[in-house]
C-alpha atoms as a PDB file:
ATOM      1  CA  MET A   1       7.030  -4.669   9.305  1.00  0.00           C
ATOM      2  CA  GLN A   2       9.447  -2.984   6.611  1.00  0.00           C
ATOM      3  CA  CYS A   3       9.308  -2.225   2.980  1.00  0.00           C
ATOM      4  CA  LEU A   4      10.284  -4.958   0.776  1.00  0.00           C
ATOM      5  CA  PRO A   5      10.073  -3.421  -2.756  1.00  0.00           C
ATOM      6  CA  GLY A   6      10.675  -6.970  -4.393  1.00  0.00           C
ATOM      7  CA  LEU A   7       7.135  -8.000  -2.683  1.00  0.00           C
ATOM      8  CA  VAL A   8       5.538  -5.040  -4.211  1.00  0.00           C
ATOM      9  CA  LEU A   9       6.948  -5.822  -7.544  1.00  0.00           C
ATOM     10  CA  ALA A  10       5.932  -9.353  -6.978  1.00  0.00           C
ATOM     11  CA  LEU A  11       2.121  -8.543  -5.777  1.00  0.00           C
ATOM     12  CA  SER A  12       1.727  -5.873  -8.339  1.00  0.00           C
ATOM     13  CA  SER A  13       2.775  -8.295 -11.161  1.00  0.00           C
ATOM     14  CA  LEU A  14       0.490 -11.247 -10.089  1.00  0.00           C
ATOM     15  CA  LEU A  15      -2.378  -8.497  -9.897  1.00  0.00           C
ATOM     16  CA  GLY A  16      -1.804  -7.714 -13.435  1.00  0.00           C
ATOM     17  CA  ALA A  17      -1.584 -11.349 -14.434  1.00  0.00           C
ATOM     18  CA  LEU A  18      -5.146 -11.649 -12.693  1.00  0.00           C
ATOM     19  CA  ALA A  19      -6.312  -9.127 -14.483  1.00  0.00           C
ATOM     20  CA  LEU A  20      -5.488 -10.801 -18.166  1.00  0.00           C
ATOM     21  CA  LEU A  21      -6.753 -13.905 -16.539  1.00  0.00           C
ATOM     22  CA  GLN A  22     -10.288 -11.970 -15.734  1.00  0.00           C
ATOM     23  CA  LEU A  23     -10.217 -10.966 -19.229  1.00  0.00           C
ATOM     24  CA  SER A  24     -10.026 -14.343 -20.700  1.00  0.00           C
ATOM     25  CA  LEU A  25     -12.593 -15.633 -18.869  1.00  0.00           C
ATOM     26  CA  TYR A  26     -15.375 -13.263 -18.962  1.00  0.00           C
ATOM     27  CA  LEU A  27     -14.791 -11.434 -22.371  1.00  0.00           C
ATOM     28  CA  ARG A  28     -17.030 -13.965 -24.083  1.00  0.00           C
ATOM     29  CA  VAL A  29     -19.197 -15.390 -21.084  1.00  0.00           C
ATOM     30  CA  PRO A  30     -20.489 -12.890 -18.287  1.00  0.00           C
ATOM     31  CA  SER A  31     -19.879 -13.660 -14.717  1.00  0.00           C
ATOM     32  CA  ARG A  32     -22.732 -15.686 -13.319  1.00  0.00           C
ATOM     33  CA  TYR A  33     -24.610 -13.178 -11.150  1.00  0.00           C
ATOM     34  CA  GLY A  34     -27.513 -10.602 -11.389  1.00  0.00           C
ATOM     35  CA  LYS A  35     -29.270 -10.256 -14.795  1.00  0.00           C
ATOM     36  CA  HIS A  36     -26.635 -12.919 -16.300  1.00  0.00           C
ATOM     37  CA  GLU A  37     -27.583 -15.653 -14.008  1.00  0.00           C
ATOM     38  CA  GLU A  38     -30.874 -16.715 -15.639  1.00  0.00           C
ATOM     39  CA  ARG A  39     -29.232 -17.648 -18.812  1.00  0.00           C
ATOM     40  CA  LEU A  40     -26.496 -20.068 -16.954  1.00  0.00           C
ATOM     41  CA  CYS A  41     -26.162 -22.380 -14.109  1.00  0.00           C
ATOM     42  CA  ARG A  42     -27.516 -21.240 -10.834  1.00  0.00           C
ATOM     43  CA  PRO A  43     -25.339 -21.188  -7.700  1.00  0.00           C
ATOM     44  CA  ARG A  44     -26.798 -23.043  -5.052  1.00  0.00           C
ATOM     45  CA  GLY A  45     -25.596 -21.082  -2.031  1.00  0.00           C
ATOM     46  CA  ARG A  46     -26.502 -17.245  -1.803  1.00  0.00           C
ATOM     47  CA  LEU A  47     -26.652 -14.652   0.298  1.00  0.00           C
ATOM     48  CA  PRO A  48     -28.795 -11.327   0.391  1.00  0.00           C
ATOM     49  CA  ALA A  49     -27.225  -8.604  -1.505  1.00  0.00           C
ATOM     50  CA  ARG A  50     -26.572  -5.881   1.207  1.00  0.00           C
ATOM     51  CA  CYS A  51     -24.943  -8.553   3.621  1.00  0.00           C
ATOM     52  CA  ALA A  52     -22.742  -9.961   0.586  1.00  0.00           C
ATOM     53  CA  TRP A  53     -21.598  -6.817  -0.279  1.00  0.00           C
ATOM     54  CA  PHE A  54     -21.013  -5.862   3.123  1.00  0.00           C
ATOM     55  CA  LEU A  55     -18.721  -8.644   3.593  1.00  0.00           C
ATOM     56  CA  GLN A  56     -17.113  -8.327   0.340  1.00  0.00           C
ATOM     57  CA  GLU A  57     -15.563  -4.891   0.506  1.00  0.00           C
ATOM     58  CA  LEU A  58     -14.846  -4.462   4.123  1.00  0.00           C
ATOM     59  CA  PRO A  59     -11.395  -6.159   3.689  1.00  0.00           C
ATOM     60  CA  SER A  60     -10.476  -3.500   1.844  1.00  0.00           C
ATOM     61  CA  PHE A  61     -11.170  -0.728   4.499  1.00  0.00           C
ATOM     62  CA  LEU A  62     -10.154  -2.861   7.766  1.00  0.00           C
ATOM     63  CA  VAL A  63      -6.686  -4.193   6.232  1.00  0.00           C
ATOM     64  CA  PRO A  64      -5.472  -0.983   5.558  1.00  0.00           C
ATOM     65  CA  ALA A  65      -6.515   0.259   8.615  1.00  0.00           C
ATOM     66  CA  LEU A  66      -4.842  -2.577  10.534  1.00  0.00           C
ATOM     67  CA  LEU A  67      -1.467  -1.584   8.556  1.00  0.00           C
ATOM     68  CA  LEU A  68      -1.625   1.615   9.809  1.00  0.00           C
ATOM     69  CA  ALA A  69      -2.154   0.397  13.475  1.00  0.00           C
ATOM     70  CA  LEU A  70       0.560  -2.000  13.084  1.00  0.00           C
ATOM     71  CA  ARG A  71       3.210   0.852  11.859  1.00  0.00           C
ATOM     72  CA  SER A  72       5.262   2.490  14.753  1.00  0.00           C
ATOM     73  CA  PRO A  73       5.422   5.189  14.712  1.00  0.00           C
ATOM     74  CA  PRO A  74       2.643   5.955  12.429  1.00  0.00           C
ATOM     75  CA  ARG A  75       4.312   7.462   9.238  1.00  0.00           C
ATOM     76  CA  LEU A  76       2.076   8.764   6.045  1.00  0.00           C
ATOM     77  CA  GLU A  77       4.024  11.556   5.617  1.00  0.00           C
ATOM     78  CA  PRO A  78       4.017  14.186   3.845  1.00  0.00           C
ATOM     79  CA  LEU A  79       0.662  15.388   3.269  1.00  0.00           C
ATOM     80  CA  GLY A  80       0.153  14.038  -0.362  1.00  0.00           C
ATOM     81  CA  CYS A  81       1.080  10.152   1.101  1.00  0.00           C
ATOM     82  CA  ARG A  82      -1.947  10.876   3.690  1.00  0.00           C
ATOM     83  CA  LEU A  83      -4.478  12.304   1.131  1.00  0.00           C
ATOM     84  CA  LEU A  84      -3.961   8.986  -1.104  1.00  0.00           C
ATOM     85  CA  CYS A  85      -4.450   6.708   1.469  1.00  0.00           C
ATOM     86  CA  CYS A  86      -7.294   8.690   2.510  1.00  0.00           C
ATOM     87  CA  LEU A  87      -8.858   8.257  -1.261  1.00  0.00           C
ATOM     88  CA  PHE A  88      -8.318   4.421  -0.998  1.00  0.00           C
ATOM     89  CA  CYS A  89     -10.148   4.166   2.259  1.00  0.00           C
ATOM     90  CA  TRP A  90     -12.891   6.921   1.493  1.00  0.00           C
ATOM     91  CA  HIS A  91     -13.905   4.424  -1.597  1.00  0.00           C
ATOM     92  CA  TYR A  92     -13.847   1.775   0.571  1.00  0.00           C
ATOM     93  CA  PHE A  93     -15.966   3.064   3.362  1.00  0.00           C
ATOM     94  CA  TYR A  94     -18.865   4.274   0.934  1.00  0.00           C
ATOM     95  CA  ARG A  95     -18.655   0.627  -0.863  1.00  0.00           C
ATOM     96  CA  THR A  96     -18.719  -1.002   2.683  1.00  0.00           C
ATOM     97  CA  PHE A  97     -20.986   1.064   5.059  1.00  0.00           C
ATOM     98  CA  ILE A  98     -23.062   3.215   2.765  1.00  0.00           C
ATOM     99  CA  TYR A  99     -23.621   1.280  -0.604  1.00  0.00           C
ATOM    100  CA  PRO A 100     -24.670  -1.879   0.616  1.00  0.00           C
ATOM    101  CA  PHE A 101     -27.535  -0.576   2.850  1.00  0.00           C
ATOM    102  CA  PHE A 102     -29.197   0.939  -0.153  1.00  0.00           C
ATOM    103  CA  THR A 103     -28.765  -1.600  -2.878  1.00  0.00           C
ATOM    104  CA  ARG A 104     -31.712  -3.649  -4.424  1.00  0.00           C
ATOM    105  CA  GLY A 105     -30.031  -6.319  -5.970  1.00  0.00           C
ATOM    106  CA  ARG A 106     -30.244 -10.035  -6.007  1.00  0.00           C
ATOM    107  CA  PRO A 107     -28.885 -12.410  -3.646  1.00  0.00           C
ATOM    108  CA  PHE A 108     -25.122 -12.896  -4.466  1.00  0.00           C
ATOM    109  CA  PRO A 109     -23.569 -16.371  -4.765  1.00  0.00           C
ATOM    110  CA  LEU A 110     -21.367 -17.141  -1.753  1.00  0.00           C
ATOM    111  CA  GLN A 111     -18.647 -18.448  -4.520  1.00  0.00           C
ATOM    112  CA  LEU A 112     -18.039 -14.937  -5.802  1.00  0.00           C
ATOM    113  CA  LEU A 113     -18.725 -13.773  -2.507  1.00  0.00           C
ATOM    114  CA  PHE A 114     -15.849 -15.805  -1.324  1.00  0.00           C
ATOM    115  CA  PHE A 115     -13.427 -15.063  -4.325  1.00  0.00           C
ATOM    116  CA  GLY A 116     -13.990 -11.183  -3.842  1.00  0.00           C
ATOM    117  CA  MET A 117     -13.185 -11.053  -0.294  1.00  0.00           C
ATOM    118  CA  LEU A 118      -9.958 -12.809  -1.257  1.00  0.00           C
ATOM    119  CA  PHE A 119      -9.409 -10.295  -3.988  1.00  0.00           C
ATOM    120  CA  CYS A 120     -10.399  -7.424  -1.497  1.00  0.00           C
ATOM    121  CA  ILE A 121      -7.838  -8.978   1.017  1.00  0.00           C
ATOM    122  CA  TYR A 122      -5.132  -9.026  -1.415  1.00  0.00           C
ATOM    123  CA  ASN A 123      -5.310  -5.768  -3.095  1.00  0.00           C
ATOM    124  CA  GLY A 124      -6.221  -4.040   0.254  1.00  0.00           C
ATOM    125  CA  PHE A 125      -2.800  -5.373   1.455  1.00  0.00           C
ATOM    126  CA  LEU A 126      -0.954  -4.422  -1.494  1.00  0.00           C
ATOM    127  CA  GLN A 127      -2.234  -0.515  -1.759  1.00  0.00           C
ATOM    128  CA  GLY A 128      -2.090  -0.292   1.855  1.00  0.00           C
ATOM    129  CA  TYR A 129       1.232  -1.520   2.383  1.00  0.00           C
ATOM    130  CA  TYR A 130       2.974   0.544  -0.245  1.00  0.00           C
ATOM    131  CA  LEU A 131       1.309   3.586   0.558  1.00  0.00           C
ATOM    132  CA  ILE A 132       1.875   3.197   4.639  1.00  0.00           C
ATOM    133  CA  TYR A 133       5.428   1.336   4.266  1.00  0.00           C
ATOM    134  CA  CYS A 134       6.764   2.101   0.607  1.00  0.00           C
ATOM    135  CA  ALA A 135       6.113   4.971  -0.965  1.00  0.00           C
ATOM    136  CA  GLU A 136       8.017   8.045  -0.876  1.00  0.00           C
ATOM    137  CA  TYR A 137       6.775  11.156  -2.193  1.00  0.00           C
ATOM    138  CA  PRO A 138       8.347  15.025  -1.924  1.00  0.00           C
ATOM    139  CA  ASN A 139       6.654  17.584   0.425  1.00  0.00           C
ATOM    140  CA  ASP A 140       5.293  19.572  -2.424  1.00  0.00           C
ATOM    141  CA  TRP A 141       3.448  16.414  -4.080  1.00  0.00           C
ATOM    142  CA  CYS A 142       0.217  18.071  -3.466  1.00  0.00           C
ATOM    143  CA  ALA A 143       0.967  20.632  -5.952  1.00  0.00           C
ATOM    144  CA  ASP A 144       2.451  18.153  -8.730  1.00  0.00           C
ATOM    145  CA  ILE A 145       0.114  17.885 -12.228  1.00  0.00           C
ATOM    146  CA  ARG A 146       0.137  14.125 -11.493  1.00  0.00           C
ATOM    147  CA  PHE A 147      -1.588  14.531  -8.096  1.00  0.00           C
ATOM    148  CA  THR A 148      -4.058  17.377  -9.101  1.00  0.00           C
ATOM    149  CA  SER A 149      -5.085  15.741 -12.469  1.00  0.00           C
ATOM    150  CA  GLY A 150      -5.591  12.355 -10.889  1.00  0.00           C
ATOM    151  CA  LEU A 151      -7.453  13.876  -7.818  1.00  0.00           C
ATOM    152  CA  LEU A 152      -9.546  15.422 -10.379  1.00  0.00           C
ATOM    153  CA  LEU A 153     -10.312  12.133 -12.232  1.00  0.00           C
ATOM    154  CA  PHE A 154     -10.950  10.432  -8.921  1.00  0.00           C
ATOM    155  CA  LEU A 155     -13.523  12.613  -7.968  1.00  0.00           C
ATOM    156  CA  LEU A 156     -14.794  12.838 -11.146  1.00  0.00           C
ATOM    157  CA  GLY A 157     -15.213   8.939 -11.232  1.00  0.00           C
ATOM    158  CA  MET A 158     -16.175   8.274  -8.070  1.00  0.00           C
ATOM    159  CA  GLY A 159     -19.046  11.198  -8.329  1.00  0.00           C
ATOM    160  CA  ILE A 160     -20.025   9.101 -11.645  1.00  0.00           C
ATOM    161  CA  ASN A 161     -20.233   6.169 -10.075  1.00  0.00           C
ATOM    162  CA  ILE A 162     -22.151   7.088  -6.698  1.00  0.00           C
ATOM    163  CA  HIS A 163     -24.848   8.856  -9.242  1.00  0.00           C
ATOM    164  CA  SER A 164     -25.113   6.103 -11.361  1.00  0.00           C
ATOM    165  CA  ASP A 165     -25.712   3.663  -8.595  1.00  0.00           C
ATOM    166  CA  LEU A 166     -28.434   6.225  -7.475  1.00  0.00           C
ATOM    167  CA  LEU A 167     -30.139   6.114 -10.725  1.00  0.00           C
ATOM    168  CA  LEU A 168     -29.797   2.197 -10.935  1.00  0.00           C
ATOM    169  CA  ARG A 169     -31.672   2.137  -7.294  1.00  0.00           C
ATOM    170  CA  GLN A 170     -34.641   4.037  -8.215  1.00  0.00           C
ATOM    171  CA  LEU A 171     -35.274   1.836 -11.316  1.00  0.00           C
ATOM    172  CA  ARG A 172     -36.694  -0.693  -8.978  1.00  0.00           C
ATOM    173  CA  LYS A 173     -39.301  -0.545  -5.942  1.00  0.00           C
ATOM    174  CA  PRO A 174     -38.692  -2.287  -2.531  1.00  0.00           C
ATOM    175  CA  GLY A 175     -39.098  -5.902  -3.265  1.00  0.00           C
ATOM    176  CA  GLU A 176     -38.816  -5.978  -7.200  1.00  0.00           C
ATOM    177  CA  VAL A 177     -36.333  -8.234  -8.878  1.00  0.00           C
ATOM    178  CA  THR A 178     -36.833  -6.985 -12.400  1.00  0.00           C
ATOM    179  CA  TYR A 179     -34.562  -5.274 -15.037  1.00  0.00           C
ATOM    180  CA  LYS A 180     -35.393  -1.961 -16.551  1.00  0.00           C
ATOM    181  CA  ILE A 181     -33.918   0.763 -19.206  1.00  0.00           C
ATOM    182  CA  PRO A 182     -31.380   2.800 -16.900  1.00  0.00           C
ATOM    183  CA  GLN A 183     -32.024   6.571 -17.542  1.00  0.00           C
ATOM    184  CA  GLY A 184     -30.649   9.588 -16.837  1.00  0.00           C
ATOM    185  CA  GLY A 185     -27.129  10.806 -16.044  1.00  0.00           C
ATOM    186  CA  LEU A 186     -24.193   9.151 -18.123  1.00  0.00           C
ATOM    187  CA  PHE A 187     -26.602   6.350 -18.706  1.00  0.00           C
ATOM    188  CA  THR A 188     -27.763   8.233 -21.736  1.00  0.00           C
ATOM    189  CA  TYR A 189     -24.939   7.567 -23.572  1.00  0.00           C
ATOM    190  CA  VAL A 190     -23.558   4.324 -22.256  1.00  0.00           C
ATOM    191  CA  SER A 191     -24.806   0.964 -20.756  1.00  0.00           C
ATOM    192  CA  GLY A 192     -22.462   0.846 -17.988  1.00  0.00           C
ATOM    193  CA  ALA A 193     -22.155   4.245 -16.479  1.00  0.00           C
ATOM    194  CA  ASN A 194     -21.280   2.687 -13.157  1.00  0.00           C
ATOM    195  CA  TYR A 195     -18.719   0.875 -14.534  1.00  0.00           C
ATOM    196  CA  PHE A 196     -16.842   3.763 -16.701  1.00  0.00           C
ATOM    197  CA  GLY A 197     -17.273   5.876 -13.242  1.00  0.00           C
ATOM    198  CA  GLU A 198     -15.156   3.349 -11.185  1.00  0.00           C
ATOM    199  CA  ILE A 199     -12.561   2.824 -13.898  1.00  0.00           C
ATOM    200  CA  VAL A 200     -12.310   6.553 -14.493  1.00  0.00           C
ATOM    201  CA  GLU A 201     -11.750   6.780 -10.294  1.00  0.00           C
ATOM    202  CA  TRP A 202      -8.897   4.157 -10.252  1.00  0.00           C
ATOM    203  CA  PHE A 203      -7.033   5.393 -13.112  1.00  0.00           C
ATOM    204  CA  GLY A 204      -7.312   8.821 -11.467  1.00  0.00           C
ATOM    205  CA  PHE A 205      -5.830   7.076  -8.221  1.00  0.00           C
ATOM    206  CA  ALA A 206      -3.252   5.771 -10.431  1.00  0.00           C
ATOM    207  CA  ILE A 207      -2.022   8.866 -11.649  1.00  0.00           C
ATOM    208  CA  ALA A 208      -2.591  10.470  -8.281  1.00  0.00           C
ATOM    209  CA  THR A 209      -0.226   7.777  -6.711  1.00  0.00           C
ATOM    210  CA  TRP A 210       2.147   7.436  -9.764  1.00  0.00           C
ATOM    211  CA  SER A 211       2.953   3.772  -8.170  1.00  0.00           C
ATOM    212  CA  LEU A 212       2.925   0.337 -10.165  1.00  0.00           C
ATOM    213  CA  PRO A 213       0.584  -1.060  -7.292  1.00  0.00           C
ATOM    214  CA  ALA A 214      -1.876   1.558  -8.306  1.00  0.00           C
ATOM    215  CA  PHE A 215      -1.442   1.182 -11.788  1.00  0.00           C
ATOM    216  CA  ALA A 216      -2.086  -2.424 -11.642  1.00  0.00           C
ATOM    217  CA  PHE A 217      -5.279  -2.142 -10.040  1.00  0.00           C
ATOM    218  CA  ALA A 218      -6.568   0.317 -12.431  1.00  0.00           C
ATOM    219  CA  PHE A 219      -5.748  -2.163 -15.405  1.00  0.00           C
ATOM    220  CA  PHE A 220      -7.628  -5.492 -13.119  1.00  0.00           C
ATOM    221  CA  THR A 221     -10.387  -3.030 -12.695  1.00  0.00           C
ATOM    222  CA  LEU A 222     -10.901  -2.030 -16.351  1.00  0.00           C
ATOM    223  CA  CYS A 223     -10.202  -6.158 -17.087  1.00  0.00           C
ATOM    224  CA  CYS A 224     -12.934  -7.094 -14.658  1.00  0.00           C
ATOM    225  CA  ILE A 225     -15.662  -4.584 -14.728  1.00  0.00           C
ATOM    226  CA  GLY A 226     -14.991  -3.513 -18.619  1.00  0.00           C
ATOM    227  CA  PRO A 227     -16.316  -7.068 -20.174  1.00  0.00           C
ATOM    228  CA  ARG A 228     -19.210  -6.911 -17.593  1.00  0.00           C
ATOM    229  CA  ALA A 229     -20.402  -3.668 -19.008  1.00  0.00           C
ATOM    230  CA  TYR A 230     -20.129  -5.221 -22.582  1.00  0.00           C
ATOM    231  CA  HIS A 231     -22.438  -8.092 -21.779  1.00  0.00           C
ATOM    232  CA  HIS A 232     -24.497  -5.557 -20.092  1.00  0.00           C
ATOM    233  CA  HIS A 233     -24.677  -3.924 -23.012  1.00  0.00           C
ATOM    234  CA  ARG A 234     -25.533  -6.569 -24.988  1.00  0.00           C
ATOM    235  CA  TYR A 235     -28.193  -7.947 -22.622  1.00  0.00           C
ATOM    236  CA  TYR A 236     -30.325  -4.632 -22.966  1.00  0.00           C
ATOM    237  CA  LEU A 237     -30.326  -4.606 -26.938  1.00  0.00           C
ATOM    238  CA  LYS A 238     -31.353  -8.137 -26.886  1.00  0.00           C
ATOM    239  CA  THR A 239     -34.037  -7.738 -24.399  1.00  0.00           C
ATOM    240  CA  PHE A 240     -35.478  -4.514 -24.879  1.00  0.00           C
ATOM    241  CA  THR A 241     -36.778  -3.625 -28.458  1.00  0.00           C
ATOM    242  CA  ASP A 242     -36.827   0.177 -27.727  1.00  0.00           C
ATOM    243  CA  TYR A 243     -33.505   0.100 -26.044  1.00  0.00           C
ATOM    244  CA  PRO A 244     -31.488   3.376 -27.350  1.00  0.00           C
ATOM    245  CA  LYS A 245     -29.459   2.173 -30.379  1.00  0.00           C
ATOM    246  CA  SER A 246     -26.964   4.920 -29.927  1.00  0.00           C
ATOM    247  CA  ARG A 247     -25.936   4.193 -26.786  1.00  0.00           C
ATOM    248  CA  LYS A 248     -22.338   2.375 -26.077  1.00  0.00           C
ATOM    249  CA  ALA A 249     -21.271  -0.199 -23.834  1.00  0.00           C
ATOM    250  CA  LEU A 250     -18.618   1.528 -21.900  1.00  0.00           C
ATOM    251  CA  ILE A 251     -16.867   4.710 -23.459  1.00  0.00           C
ATOM    252  CA  PRO A 252     -18.977   7.192 -24.503  1.00  0.00           C
ATOM    253  CA  PHE A 253     -19.012   7.701 -28.144  1.00  0.00           C
ATOM    254  CA  ILE A 254     -16.288   5.083 -28.766  1.00  0.00           C
ATOM    255  CA  PHE A 255     -17.248   1.757 -27.021  1.00  0.00           C
END
């Protein structure tokens, strides 16, 4: 397999277009799962949340690994390129092999699972293909301000995301499906602390890679889960009379 710059440009542009489509679809009406499912029509087929999250996230980890296995000889040089690929796989290793086995979410609609898997295959291929077959970085990329600042943002965002997931899990006892007000951590300031962390994470990755595919993915993440954080915020305000009015939806002190 060879690097085709035109393919990278086309796939990245399509990802940006899909981001705008997501924003137009879900800015006014939330996607139909979780706490927003009760107010909308219920899908027929569903899988347990743990199984669904595992299946959905798995392609994002396996596809880059397969691309690397098909590369002969292995590339990923210099060190900066190896680290960037590891960051992407590290996130999806957590999302595939750790997060699903601790989640206590509601059963997941099969339709959304199908589209989620398609996206993970698509994005896993795009990010992996670019880093493994196309990316070219100088030997001192690890010392570049773009890499170091992006890496710090990535680690900060991932830390916020994992910590926020932990706080959300602690709200429910095993078997419970009711929703409660999140407390602690960044939830003190925003309703979508876990989403904020993931957005920061992928924009950090985009800065560290300084590539069109990564920026397209970060933009997609913002357009996909940003509206969901907004709808979560509205849900909490309508459902709980004692919900803190000072909290913002997604960005502390701004929105």
